[in-house]
Amino acid sequence: MINPPFQKVPRHVAIIMDGNRRWAKQKGLPISEGHKRGAETLTNIIEVASNLGVEVLTVYAFSTENWNRPKEEVDFLMQFLDRVFKRQLEEVQKNKGRIRVIGRRDEIVPTHVLEIIRDAEEKTAQNTGITIITAFNYGGRAEIADAAQSLAQQVERGALHSEDIDEKVFARNLYAADIPDVDLLIRTSGEYRISNYLLWQAAYAEFVFTETLWPDFRREHLFDAIKEYQARDRRFGGL
């Protein structure tokens, strides 16, 4: 048994939950089974992160580019999200946590998914435990573009002067402006890229990459990532 690392726990952990499809293919199962197993993993990791004292856990659930996947898989995911959010809501409520969703809520997102998102956010809005942020229909470049558009509109209305725009002002226009920057970013499945994820917020994050596919990710893997984070000498700016 690996003892959980309680010292120097990162405030904000972000995870790219990669490998559901590969896991299913390796086992000769439908892609949907990989997503189902991945959802079970997320439920477990939420509980572990909450018990460790992580304040914010952000997970990459569906990117703006994922709409290009096979229609059958996308349709399944849109229907499956109902079950995922209900299970997530149950787990988060148990830990007195809060659910938030970041990403574009435009016409491409099915109405029933938007209703599920609103319901989960409203039911947990007053909770004070761990904050679970789901990045859905999300892209880091899209978030930055949306923030720039918001600032341009404020300048056009006269509510803001262009010369007053600095990093702090820009950050206030991101999807979740009140959330601390990412301390630790974990990507599963052996891929070594961040795939347009939290580009602004992860500017000084510590990255940990693991070969483990997301459906096989367990508490021990999270402990290992946090231990690696603890061992690093974090530097902000400069060389």
Foldseek 3Di string as FASTA:
>chain_A
DDDFDLPPFWQEEEEEQFFLQVVQVVVVHDSVVSVVLLLVLVLQVVLLCLVSQHAEYEYEDAELVNVPPPPVVVVSCLVCVLVSLVSVLVSQVVSLEAEAEDADPDPVRDPVNVVSRVVRRVVSVPGRTHYYYYYHNHFLVVQLVQLVVVVVVCVVVVVDPPVPDDPLSSLCSGRCSVDAAAAEYEYEQPDDDDHRPSPPRCPQHDYDYYNHRSSPDHSVNVSVRSVVSVPDDGDDDDD
